């Protein structure tokens, strides 16, 4: 059993109070507020989900009706061509997977053309055909297909000839299972997912023949308060019911009351009794515990806040830990040691994340920071500065001929040449692969061209020796000045690198192993690397 002189012992002792008091209050508030609040929140979620499902189904049905209306608007002369109609229907079904089949009926209700079903028969007695004859588009309730025997809905639209006379009916068949799967609806009422009912019979649309009429809550608009009722499966539930398809269908969603409350009633009653017994006896210990812990914790909090703000030079101050628990004293001592290590790690990490590990030059991350700083400094002082983009010529041949280790040595040699030719005020970085860049501070274009030529010549005359191989390399360089202004969609750094890259492109195209300067007329050229 831990001693009360340790933080573990104190926490165990005081946890009883920290649990008992809020749980006792929660138990009392549960019957007055929380229980109803949970039910209201659950009903709101159910109502929102049901409303979303209702709206989604209505919109989806509207889109499917629009699809059929679009096909029905094709000139009837074209629909008289059986091959055109058949090919068009097949193409339509491939791009509209929700439809099971597409049928064109003539004025007498006989099948003229069908796709996906080899249908024969007459539908003149169907309500949707009669409505279409009267110029009305229709989306039917589920009916049993005379051709396939499964439950489907029909999306029908009248077809008219050029004179506007009725010339037939276009009907698209959608399996009721497609609707259920599209909206993740349940095939029954016991999976706690939304399900669809016929509003007149209360039978599930997925099982109109063998299904059982469902007990459902009042439809949306009839009540604003959650209704707890026993559903068809004799479970106490909260549900929401909303009309779909102009009231012909109902979308229903239910959730068990037991799941909503989650056993809170019994748990809170038991814990409330235990909380009352310990509340009075343990209250003085909370004050004592707080006074012994609060001082050191506040100090640690202040130091950690300063470190979070980037003040890593914050030093731990000496505090009296004689009256604090052993764990708090150990925590404070460890925190001070960890802060010292963190300062070292931050310094090392800064170097690691800003340096290319192979060449020792800056990387893209440090280029974005340091390059932008140099350019901004030059702009503020009114000084000129320039950018060099450098690319080793035919570097792939080096890797292919001598191997990647030798290629790495070549990159390191080129980096060393660049560094020994630039000043401390300049910044060099490796962009990636065999490409480098230099931001030359306080350097007009003419001086930058001289610097670039010096680097080019130095690279050309410097032999590379590794693993028994000796060879030389050449380098192409593009030079561009930093503009006084640039397009708002880019930064000055990206702008000057892009221009120098264009100049590099010219150097590659003009034979390599040369230096080219970006000029205003180059703005219209397409700058792609010449590999």
Protein backbone atom coordinates (compact mmCIF):
# COMPACT_ATOMS: atom_id res chain seq x y z
CA UNK A 1 0.00 0.00 0.00
CA UNK A 2 1.64 3.28 -1.05
CA UNK A 3 2.38 5.77 1.72
CA UNK A 4 0.44 9.02 1.84
CA UNK A 5 3.80 10.82 1.66
CA UNK A 6 3.96 9.85 -2.04
CA UNK A 7 1.94 11.36 -4.81
CA UNK A 8 0.61 7.93 -5.70
CA UNK A 9 -0.78 7.44 -2.20
CA UNK A 10 -2.28 10.91 -2.11
CA UNK A 11 -3.84 10.47 -5.52
CA UNK A 12 -5.44 7.20 -4.46
CA UNK A 13 -6.83 8.79 -1.33
CA UNK A 14 -8.10 11.94 -2.97
CA UNK A 15 -9.41 10.26 -6.10
CA UNK A 16 -12.31 8.99 -4.03
CA UNK A 17 -13.37 12.57 -3.40
CA UNK A 18 -12.70 13.66 -6.97
CA UNK A 19 -14.92 10.82 -8.18
CA UNK A 20 -17.58 10.80 -5.47
CA UNK A 21 -18.53 14.46 -5.57
CA UNK A 22 -19.00 14.84 -9.33
CA UNK A 23 -20.65 11.42 -9.59
CA UNK A 24 -23.07 12.24 -6.81
CA UNK A 25 -23.91 15.53 -8.45
CA UNK A 26 -24.20 13.77 -11.80
CA UNK A 27 -26.56 11.19 -10.35
CA UNK A 28 -28.87 13.89 -9.00
CA UNK A 29 -28.64 15.95 -12.17
CA UNK A 30 -29.17 12.87 -14.29
CA UNK A 31 -32.81 12.47 -13.35
CA UNK A 32 -33.45 16.20 -13.56
CA UNK A 33 -31.44 17.20 -16.63
CA UNK A 34 -28.92 14.77 -18.09
CA UNK A 35 -31.28 11.93 -18.90
CA UNK A 36 -33.57 14.15 -20.91
CA UNK A 37 -30.61 16.01 -22.40
CA UNK A 38 -29.13 12.74 -23.65
CA UNK A 39 -32.45 11.71 -25.11
CA UNK A 40 -32.87 15.11 -26.76
CA UNK A 41 -29.34 15.00 -28.17
CA UNK A 42 -29.86 11.49 -29.48
CA UNK A 43 -33.18 12.49 -31.01
CA UNK A 44 -31.53 15.51 -32.63
CA UNK A 45 -28.85 13.26 -34.15
CA UNK A 46 -31.48 10.77 -35.33
CA UNK A 47 -33.65 13.57 -36.72
CA UNK A 48 -30.69 15.14 -38.52
CA UNK A 49 -29.55 11.82 -40.00
CA UNK A 50 -33.10 10.97 -41.07
CA UNK A 51 -33.55 14.41 -42.65
CA UNK A 52 -30.28 14.06 -44.51
CA UNK A 53 -31.29 10.62 -45.78
CA UNK A 54 -34.71 11.93 -46.82
CA UNK A 55 -33.22 14.86 -48.72
CA UNK A 56 -30.58 12.65 -50.32
CA UNK A 57 -33.19 10.16 -51.56
CA UNK A 58 -35.40 12.91 -52.93
CA UNK A 59 -32.48 14.56 -54.73
CA UNK A 60 -31.31 11.19 -56.05
CA UNK A 61 -34.79 10.36 -57.36
CA UNK A 62 -34.94 13.80 -58.98
CA UNK A 63 -31.63 13.17 -60.73
CA UNK A 64 -32.81 9.80 -62.00
CA UNK A 65 -36.00 11.42 -63.31
CA UNK A 66 -33.80 14.01 -65.01
CA UNK A 67 -31.74 11.24 -66.63
CA UNK A 68 -34.84 9.65 -68.16
CA UNK A 69 -36.22 13.05 -69.22
CA UNK A 70 -32.94 13.77 -71.00
CA UNK A 71 -33.08 10.49 -72.95
CA UNK A 72 -36.76 11.05 -73.74
CA UNK A 73 -35.88 14.43 -75.27
CA UNK A 74 -33.91 12.77 -78.09
CA UNK A 75 -35.68 13.35 -81.42
CA UNK A 76 -38.20 10.58 -81.95
CA UNK A 77 -36.89 10.08 -85.49
CA UNK A 78 -33.65 8.77 -84.00
CA UNK A 79 -35.50 6.52 -81.57
CA UNK A 80 -37.21 4.87 -84.52
CA UNK A 81 -33.84 3.49 -85.59
CA UNK A 82 -33.59 0.18 -83.65
CA UNK A 83 -29.79 -0.06 -83.88
CA UNK A 84 -29.28 3.55 -82.74
CA UNK A 85 -31.75 3.14 -79.91
CA UNK A 86 -30.26 -0.16 -78.73
CA UNK A 87 -26.68 1.15 -78.83
CA UNK A 88 -27.68 4.38 -77.15
CA UNK A 89 -29.56 2.56 -74.39
CA UNK A 90 -26.57 0.29 -73.72
CA UNK A 91 -24.25 3.31 -73.56
CA UNK A 92 -26.66 5.04 -71.19
CA UNK A 93 -26.82 2.04 -68.83
CA UNK A 94 -23.04 1.74 -68.74
CA UNK A 95 -22.73 5.34 -67.57
CA UNK A 96 -25.78 5.20 -65.27
CA UNK A 97 -25.25 2.09 -63.18
CA UNK A 98 -28.25 2.84 -60.95
CA UNK A 99 -30.60 1.75 -63.73
CA UNK A 100 -31.19 -1.96 -64.15
CA UNK A 101 -32.75 -1.67 -67.60
CA UNK A 102 -34.18 0.82 -70.06
CA UNK A 103 -37.31 0.19 -72.14
CA UNK A 104 -39.12 2.11 -74.85
CA UNK A 105 -42.84 1.38 -75.22
CA UNK A 106 -44.91 2.36 -78.21
CA UNK A 107 -48.24 4.16 -78.04
CA UNK A 108 -50.06 0.89 -77.38
CA UNK A 109 -47.84 -0.06 -74.43
CA UNK A 110 -45.88 -2.74 -76.25
CA UNK A 111 -42.10 -3.02 -75.83
CA UNK A 112 -40.40 -1.32 -78.75
CA UNK A 113 -36.78 -1.44 -77.61
CA UNK A 114 -35.20 -2.73 -74.41
CA UNK A 115 -31.72 -2.89 -72.94
CA UNK A 116 -30.45 -5.41 -70.40
CA UNK A 117 -33.81 -7.26 -70.44
CA UNK A 118 -35.25 -9.19 -73.34
CA UNK A 119 -38.73 -7.95 -72.46
CA UNK A 120 -41.94 -8.75 -74.22
CA UNK A 121 -45.41 -7.77 -73.15
CA UNK A 122 -47.80 -4.88 -72.75
CA UNK A 123 -47.90 -2.27 -69.98
CA UNK A 124 -50.85 -0.24 -71.13
CA UNK A 125 -52.62 -1.12 -67.89
CA UNK A 126 -49.83 0.24 -65.71
CA UNK A 127 -50.52 3.57 -64.00
CA UNK A 128 -47.21 5.06 -65.09
CA UNK A 129 -48.07 4.38 -68.73
CA UNK A 130 -51.45 6.06 -68.36
CA UNK A 131 -49.86 9.07 -66.67
CA UNK A 132 -47.22 9.33 -69.38
CA UNK A 133 -49.93 9.23 -72.02
CA UNK A 134 -51.39 12.29 -70.27
CA UNK A 135 -48.02 14.01 -70.43
CA UNK A 136 -46.91 13.32 -66.82
CA UNK A 137 -43.53 11.95 -65.74
CA UNK A 138 -43.75 9.34 -63.00
CA UNK A 139 -41.61 7.61 -60.37
CA UNK A 140 -43.55 4.59 -59.20
CA UNK A 141 -43.67 2.89 -55.84
CA UNK A 142 -42.08 -0.57 -55.78
CA UNK A 143 -43.81 -3.01 -58.06
CA UNK A 144 -43.02 -6.50 -59.18
CA UNK A 145 -41.46 -6.62 -62.63
CA UNK A 146 -43.41 -8.63 -65.15
CA UNK A 147 -40.17 -9.41 -66.90
CA UNK A 148 -37.68 -10.22 -64.09
CA UNK A 149 -39.98 -10.92 -61.14
CA UNK A 150 -38.02 -8.70 -58.71
CA UNK A 151 -39.20 -5.52 -56.97
CA UNK A 152 -38.30 -2.39 -58.89
CA UNK A 153 -39.34 1.21 -59.27
CA UNK A 154 -40.06 2.65 -62.69
CA UNK A 155 -38.95 6.12 -63.76
CA UNK A 156 -41.16 6.92 -66.75
CA UNK A 157 -41.38 9.88 -69.09
CA UNK A 158 -43.52 10.48 -72.21
CA UNK A 159 -41.82 10.54 -75.61
CA UNK A 160 -43.14 12.98 -78.16
CA UNK A 161 -42.51 13.35 -81.88
CA UNK A 162 -41.48 16.52 -83.66
CA UNK A 163 -45.12 17.65 -83.79
CA UNK A 164 -45.45 17.27 -80.03
CA UNK A 165 -47.72 14.26 -80.26
CA UNK A 166 -47.45 11.32 -77.88
CA UNK A 167 -45.30 8.62 -79.48
CA UNK A 168 -44.46 6.33 -76.61
CA UNK A 169 -43.07 6.00 -73.09
CA UNK A 170 -39.46 5.72 -71.98
CA UNK A 171 -39.09 3.77 -68.74
CA UNK A 172 -36.01 3.12 -66.64
CA UNK A 173 -36.12 0.31 -64.11
CA UNK A 174 -34.24 0.64 -60.80
CA UNK A 175 -34.00 -2.29 -58.41
CA UNK A 176 -35.24 -1.47 -54.93
CA UNK A 177 -32.00 -3.06 -53.66
CA UNK A 178 -30.04 -0.39 -55.53
CA UNK A 179 -31.76 2.32 -53.47
CA UNK A 180 -31.11 0.46 -50.22
CA UNK A 181 -27.44 -0.07 -51.04
CA UNK A 182 -26.90 3.48 -52.35
CA UNK A 183 -28.07 5.03 -49.08
CA UNK A 184 -26.89 2.25 -46.72
CA UNK A 185 -30.49 1.50 -45.77
CA UNK A 186 -31.51 -1.57 -43.83
CA UNK A 187 -33.42 -4.46 -45.32
CA UNK A 188 -35.24 -4.79 -41.98
CA UNK A 189 -35.95 -2.71 -38.87
CA UNK A 190 -33.61 -4.42 -36.43
CA UNK A 191 -30.17 -3.26 -37.62
CA UNK A 192 -30.56 0.34 -36.31
CA UNK A 193 -29.93 1.72 -39.78
CA UNK A 194 -32.55 3.82 -41.60
CA UNK A 195 -35.20 1.79 -43.44
CA UNK A 196 -37.87 2.62 -46.00
CA UNK A 197 -41.59 1.88 -45.58
CA UNK A 198 -44.62 2.24 -47.76
CA UNK A 199 -46.52 5.14 -46.13
CA UNK A 200 -49.91 3.49 -46.63
CA UNK A 201 -49.22 -0.09 -45.53
CA UNK A 202 -46.17 0.56 -43.27
CA UNK A 203 -44.54 -2.44 -44.97
CA UNK A 204 -40.78 -2.42 -45.74
CA UNK A 205 -40.10 -1.59 -49.38
CA UNK A 206 -37.55 -4.37 -49.44
CA UNK A 207 -40.15 -7.01 -48.52
CA UNK A 208 -43.63 -5.93 -49.61
CA UNK A 209 -45.01 -9.46 -49.74
CA UNK A 210 -43.70 -11.21 -46.62
CA UNK A 211 -42.96 -8.15 -44.49
CA UNK A 212 -44.79 -7.07 -41.33
CA UNK A 213 -46.32 -3.64 -40.83
CA UNK A 214 -44.01 -1.60 -38.60
CA UNK A 215 -44.73 0.45 -35.51
CA UNK A 216 -43.14 3.83 -36.14
CA UNK A 217 -42.98 7.25 -34.46
CA UNK A 218 -45.16 10.18 -35.57
CA UNK A 219 -44.14 11.65 -38.91
CA UNK A 220 -41.98 14.77 -39.01
CA UNK A 221 -44.03 17.86 -38.18
CA UNK A 222 -46.51 16.10 -35.91
CA UNK A 223 -44.34 16.46 -32.80
CA UNK A 224 -41.17 18.31 -31.80
CA UNK A 225 -40.33 16.15 -28.77
CA UNK A 226 -38.65 12.75 -28.70
CA UNK A 227 -41.09 9.86 -28.60
CA UNK A 228 -40.07 6.72 -26.70
CA UNK A 229 -42.05 3.73 -27.91
CA UNK A 230 -41.82 -0.01 -28.38
CA UNK A 231 -41.15 -0.92 -31.98
CA UNK A 232 -42.25 -4.01 -33.85
CA UNK A 233 -39.41 -6.02 -32.27
CA UNK A 234 -40.61 -4.99 -28.76
CA UNK A 235 -37.54 -2.83 -28.12
CA UNK A 236 -37.83 0.57 -26.41
CA UNK A 237 -36.51 3.02 -28.95
CA UNK A 238 -36.40 6.65 -29.94
CA UNK A 239 -37.10 7.23 -33.59
CA UNK A 240 -37.72 9.75 -36.33
CA UNK A 241 -39.95 9.34 -39.35
CA UNK A 242 -40.02 11.55 -42.45
CA UNK A 243 -41.95 11.36 -45.72
CA UNK A 244 -40.08 10.68 -48.95
CA UNK A 245 -41.21 10.92 -52.55
CA UNK A 246 -44.10 13.27 -51.91
CA UNK A 247 -45.29 11.24 -48.94
CA UNK A 248 -45.53 7.88 -50.72
CA UNK A 249 -42.62 6.44 -48.72
CA UNK A 250 -41.40 6.91 -45.18
CA UNK A 251 -37.77 6.87 -44.08
CA UNK A 252 -37.47 5.73 -40.45
CA UNK A 253 -34.50 5.60 -38.13
CA UNK A 254 -34.52 4.18 -34.60
CA UNK A 255 -32.07 3.88 -31.75
CA UNK A 256 -32.50 1.82 -28.56
CA UNK A 257 -33.04 3.80 -25.36
CA UNK A 258 -30.72 1.39 -23.53
CA UNK A 259 -27.92 2.24 -25.94
CA UNK A 260 -28.51 5.98 -25.53
CA UNK A 261 -28.43 5.91 -21.75
CA UNK A 262 -25.70 3.25 -21.70
CA UNK A 263 -26.44 1.90 -18.25
CA UNK A 264 -25.89 5.29 -16.63
CA UNK A 265 -28.82 4.98 -14.26
CA UNK A 266 -27.58 1.95 -12.32
CA UNK A 267 -23.94 3.02 -12.34
CA UNK A 268 -24.60 6.53 -11.08
CA UNK A 269 -26.89 5.33 -8.29
CA UNK A 270 -24.26 2.92 -6.96
CA UNK A 271 -21.46 5.44 -7.17
CA UNK A 272 -23.55 8.16 -5.56
CA UNK A 273 -23.95 6.08 -2.39
CA UNK A 274 -20.19 5.45 -2.17
CA UNK A 275 -19.41 9.11 -2.86
CA UNK A 276 -21.59 10.37 -0.04
CA UNK A 277 -19.75 8.18 2.51
CA UNK A 278 -16.28 9.48 1.67
CA UNK A 279 -17.02 13.11 0.83
CA UNK A 280 -16.84 14.63 4.32
CA UNK A 281 -13.85 12.63 5.62
CA UNK A 282 -11.56 13.29 2.68
CA UNK A 283 -12.21 16.97 2.06
CA UNK A 284 -9.35 18.29 4.32
CA UNK A 285 -6.81 16.15 2.47
CA UNK A 286 -7.53 17.97 -0.78
CA UNK A 287 -6.43 21.31 0.67
CA UNK A 288 -3.27 19.78 2.12
CA UNK A 289 -2.43 17.98 -1.08
CA UNK A 290 -2.98 21.08 -3.20
CA UNK A 291 -0.66 23.25 -1.10
CA UNK A 292 2.17 20.71 -1.33
CA UNK A 293 1.93 20.21 -5.10
CA UNK A 294 0.79 23.55 -6.49
CA UNK A 295 4.08 25.47 -5.99
CA UNK A 296 6.41 23.10 -7.88
CA UNK A 297 3.82 22.45 -10.57
CA UNK A 298 3.40 26.18 -11.20
CA UNK A 299 7.17 26.55 -11.57
CA UNK A 300 7.34 23.66 -14.04
CA UNK A 301 4.38 25.11 -15.93
CA UNK A 302 6.03 28.53 -16.24
CA UNK A 303 9.33 27.05 -17.45
CA UNK A 304 7.61 24.75 -19.97
CA UNK A 305 5.57 27.69 -21.31
CA UNK A 306 8.75 29.71 -21.91
CA UNK A 307 10.31 26.74 -23.70
CA UNK A 308 7.18 26.31 -25.79
CA UNK A 309 7.54 29.94 -26.86
CA UNK A 310 11.10 29.21 -28.04
CA UNK A 311 12.98 30.55 -25.00
CA UNK A 312 15.24 27.54 -24.59
CA UNK A 313 17.68 29.51 -22.47
CA UNK A 314 15.28 29.37 -19.52
CA UNK A 315 17.07 28.08 -16.42
CA UNK A 316 15.52 26.06 -13.63
CA UNK A 317 15.34 27.95 -10.36
CA UNK A 318 16.02 26.40 -6.98
CA UNK A 319 12.84 25.63 -5.06
CA UNK A 320 12.23 24.05 -1.65
CA UNK A 321 10.95 20.53 -2.27
CA UNK A 322 11.11 19.34 1.33
CA UNK A 323 7.36 19.73 1.78
CA UNK A 324 6.43 18.29 -1.59
CA UNK A 325 5.83 14.62 -2.42
CA UNK A 326 8.86 12.63 -3.50
CA UNK A 327 7.48 12.18 -7.00
CA UNK A 328 7.05 15.95 -7.48
CA UNK A 329 10.62 16.62 -6.38
CA UNK A 330 11.90 13.92 -8.74
CA UNK A 331 9.74 15.29 -11.53
CA UNK A 332 11.18 18.78 -11.08
CA UNK A 333 14.77 17.53 -11.06
CA UNK A 334 14.18 15.38 -14.16
CA UNK A 335 12.47 18.27 -15.91
CA UNK A 336 15.51 20.49 -15.41
CA UNK A 337 17.82 17.80 -16.80
CA UNK A 338 15.51 17.17 -19.74
CA UNK A 339 15.37 20.89 -20.56
CA UNK A 340 19.17 20.98 -20.77
CA UNK A 341 19.13 18.01 -23.17
CA UNK A 342 16.35 19.57 -25.18
CA UNK A 343 18.40 22.72 -25.77
CA UNK A 344 21.21 20.59 -27.23
CA UNK A 345 18.79 18.52 -29.32
CA UNK A 346 17.14 21.63 -30.73
CA UNK A 347 20.51 23.01 -31.80
CA UNK A 348 21.48 19.72 -33.45
CA UNK A 349 18.08 19.37 -35.09
CA UNK A 350 18.30 22.87 -36.53
CA UNK A 351 21.57 21.94 -38.22
CA UNK A 352 20.24 18.58 -39.42
CA UNK A 353 17.00 19.94 -40.91
CA UNK A 354 18.71 22.83 -42.71
CA UNK A 355 21.69 21.00 -44.24
CA UNK A 356 21.98 18.56 -47.13
CA UNK A 357 23.64 15.50 -45.52
CA UNK A 358 25.72 14.57 -48.60
CA UNK A 359 27.23 17.92 -49.57
CA UNK A 360 26.99 19.99 -46.41
CA UNK A 361 25.23 22.75 -48.36
CA UNK A 362 21.89 24.15 -47.37
CA UNK A 363 18.78 22.20 -48.36
CA UNK A 364 15.49 23.41 -49.78
CA UNK A 365 14.11 24.18 -46.33
CA UNK A 366 17.02 26.43 -45.38
CA UNK A 367 16.98 27.96 -48.88
CA UNK A 368 13.40 29.13 -48.37
CA UNK A 369 14.36 30.76 -45.09
CA UNK A 370 17.91 32.06 -45.71
CA UNK A 371 17.42 32.90 -49.39
CA UNK A 372 14.30 34.93 -48.61
CA UNK A 373 16.17 36.72 -45.81
CA UNK A 374 19.07 37.74 -48.08
CA UNK A 375 16.72 38.97 -50.81
CA UNK A 376 14.64 40.96 -48.33
CA UNK A 377 17.78 42.49 -46.83
CA UNK A 378 19.02 43.54 -50.29
CA UNK A 379 15.64 45.02 -51.19
CA UNK A 380 15.47 47.06 -48.01
CA UNK A 381 18.99 48.44 -48.45
CA UNK A 382 18.49 49.09 -52.17
CA UNK A 383 21.37 46.77 -53.07
CA UNK A 384 21.38 44.40 -56.03
CA UNK A 385 21.62 40.68 -55.55
CA UNK A 386 21.60 37.76 -57.96
CA UNK A 387 20.79 34.09 -58.18
CA UNK A 388 22.80 31.30 -59.80
CA UNK A 389 21.28 27.95 -60.70
CA UNK A 390 23.97 25.35 -61.48
CA UNK A 391 23.59 21.87 -62.97
CA UNK A 392 26.33 19.30 -63.60
CA UNK A 393 26.37 18.26 -67.26
CA UNK A 394 25.62 14.65 -68.13
CA UNK A 395 25.75 13.66 -64.48
CA UNK A 396 23.68 10.56 -65.15
CA UNK A 397 26.60 9.22 -67.20
CA UNK A 398 28.85 9.51 -64.16
CA UNK A 399 26.48 7.38 -62.08
CA UNK A 400 25.94 4.90 -64.91
CA UNK A 401 29.66 4.63 -65.75
CA UNK A 402 31.37 4.80 -62.35
CA UNK A 403 28.56 4.03 -59.91
CA UNK A 404 26.64 6.10 -57.40
CA UNK A 405 29.42 6.24 -54.76
CA UNK A 406 31.64 7.97 -57.33
CA UNK A 407 28.71 10.19 -58.26
CA UNK A 408 28.42 11.20 -54.60
CA UNK A 409 32.11 12.14 -54.57
CA UNK A 410 31.52 14.23 -57.69
CA UNK A 411 28.65 16.06 -55.99
CA UNK A 412 30.77 16.69 -52.92
CA UNK A 413 33.62 18.02 -55.07
CA UNK A 414 31.29 20.35 -56.97
CA UNK A 415 29.85 21.59 -53.66
CA UNK A 416 33.33 22.27 -52.31
CA UNK A 417 34.19 24.24 -55.47
CA UNK A 418 31.05 26.33 -55.10
CA UNK A 419 31.77 27.05 -51.43
CA UNK A 420 35.36 28.13 -52.04
CA UNK A 421 34.32 30.58 -54.73
CA UNK A 422 31.48 32.36 -52.89
CA UNK A 423 31.61 34.75 -49.96
CA UNK A 424 30.34 34.22 -46.41
CA UNK A 425 27.51 36.62 -47.14
CA UNK A 426 26.30 34.41 -50.00
CA UNK A 427 24.20 31.29 -49.53
CA UNK A 428 24.57 28.00 -51.43
CA UNK A 429 22.08 25.15 -51.41
CA UNK A 430 21.51 21.85 -53.16
CA UNK A 431 18.15 21.86 -54.91
CA UNK A 432 18.24 18.14 -55.52
CA UNK A 433 20.10 15.61 -57.64
CA UNK A 434 22.98 17.43 -59.41
CA UNK A 435 21.35 20.88 -59.25
CA UNK A 436 22.54 23.68 -56.97
CA UNK A 437 21.73 27.32 -56.38
CA UNK A 438 23.58 30.33 -55.01
CA UNK A 439 21.95 33.50 -53.67
CA UNK A 440 24.67 36.14 -54.04
CA UNK A 441 24.15 39.06 -51.67
CA UNK A 442 25.00 42.62 -52.86
CA UNK A 443 26.03 41.27 -56.25
CA UNK A 444 24.99 42.97 -59.51
CA UNK A 445 24.40 40.79 -62.55
CA UNK A 446 27.82 41.54 -64.04
CA UNK A 447 29.64 40.39 -60.93
CA UNK A 448 27.36 37.37 -60.72
CA UNK A 449 28.35 36.41 -64.28
CA UNK A 450 32.03 36.68 -63.26
CA UNK A 451 31.36 34.50 -60.20
CA UNK A 452 29.52 31.95 -62.32
CA UNK A 453 32.32 31.79 -64.89
CA UNK A 454 34.89 31.34 -62.11
CA UNK A 455 32.92 28.40 -60.70
CA UNK A 456 32.42 26.91 -64.19
CA UNK A 457 36.13 27.05 -64.97
CA UNK A 458 37.07 25.69 -61.56
CA UNK A 459 34.75 22.69 -62.02
CA UNK A 460 36.09 22.02 -65.52
CA UNK A 461 39.74 21.90 -64.45
CA UNK A 462 39.25 19.96 -61.22
CA UNK A 463 39.74 16.19 -61.66
CA UNK A 464 37.56 13.73 -59.75
CA UNK A 465 39.41 10.71 -58.41
CA UNK A 466 37.62 7.82 -56.72
CA UNK A 467 37.88 4.05 -56.62
CA UNK A 468 40.62 3.99 -59.23
CA UNK A 469 38.77 6.28 -61.67
CA UNK A 470 39.81 9.81 -62.64
CA UNK A 471 37.69 12.10 -64.79
CA UNK A 472 36.55 15.70 -65.10
CA UNK A 473 33.13 17.28 -65.22
CA UNK A 474 31.55 20.41 -66.66
CA UNK A 475 28.76 22.51 -65.31
CA UNK A 476 26.10 24.77 -66.85
CA UNK A 477 25.01 27.89 -64.99
CA UNK A 478 22.08 30.27 -65.30
CA UNK A 479 22.25 33.75 -63.75
CA UNK A 480 19.36 36.10 -62.98
CA UNK A 481 19.04 39.32 -60.98
CA UNK A 482 16.48 39.74 -58.20
CA UNK A 483 13.67 41.87 -59.62
CA UNK A 484 12.42 44.96 -57.83
CA UNK A 485 8.93 43.48 -58.04
CA UNK A 486 7.37 40.19 -59.05
CA UNK A 487 3.98 38.69 -59.72
CA UNK A 488 1.74 38.50 -56.64
CA UNK A 489 1.27 34.76 -57.19
CA UNK A 490 4.93 34.01 -56.42
CA UNK A 491 7.63 35.07 -53.98
CA UNK A 492 10.76 37.05 -54.91
CA UNK A 493 12.87 33.97 -54.14
CA UNK A 494 10.82 31.63 -56.32
CA UNK A 495 10.72 34.29 -59.04
CA UNK A 496 14.50 34.74 -59.27
CA UNK A 497 15.16 30.97 -59.06
CA UNK A 498 12.68 30.44 -61.91
CA UNK A 499 14.45 33.06 -64.03
CA UNK A 500 17.88 31.64 -63.30
CA UNK A 501 16.50 28.21 -64.18
CA UNK A 502 15.43 29.61 -67.58
CA UNK A 503 18.92 30.92 -68.10
CA UNK A 504 20.27 27.47 -67.18
CA UNK A 505 17.94 26.01 -69.76
CA UNK A 506 19.50 28.29 -72.36
CA UNK A 507 22.98 27.20 -71.30
CA UNK A 508 21.99 23.54 -71.69
CA UNK A 509 20.48 24.16 -75.11
CA UNK A 510 23.48 26.21 -76.26
CA UNK A 511 25.95 23.38 -75.73
CA UNK A 512 26.42 23.07 -71.96
CA UNK A 513 29.60 24.00 -70.03
CA UNK A 514 28.68 27.66 -70.23
CA UNK A 515 27.09 30.54 -68.36
CA UNK A 516 23.94 32.26 -69.58
CA UNK A 517 22.16 35.35 -68.24
CA UNK A 518 18.40 35.70 -67.99
CA UNK A 519 17.01 38.54 -70.07
CA UNK A 520 13.55 40.07 -70.28
CA UNK A 521 12.80 38.38 -73.62
CA UNK A 522 13.29 35.00 -71.91
CA UNK A 523 10.02 35.53 -70.04
CA UNK A 524 8.08 34.05 -72.95
CA UNK A 525 10.15 30.91 -73.33
CA UNK A 526 9.21 27.53 -71.95
CA UNK A 527 11.88 26.67 -69.41
CA UNK A 528 12.18 22.92 -69.11
CA UNK A 529 15.35 21.14 -68.11
CA UNK A 530 17.42 19.74 -70.92
CA UNK A 531 18.39 16.31 -69.63
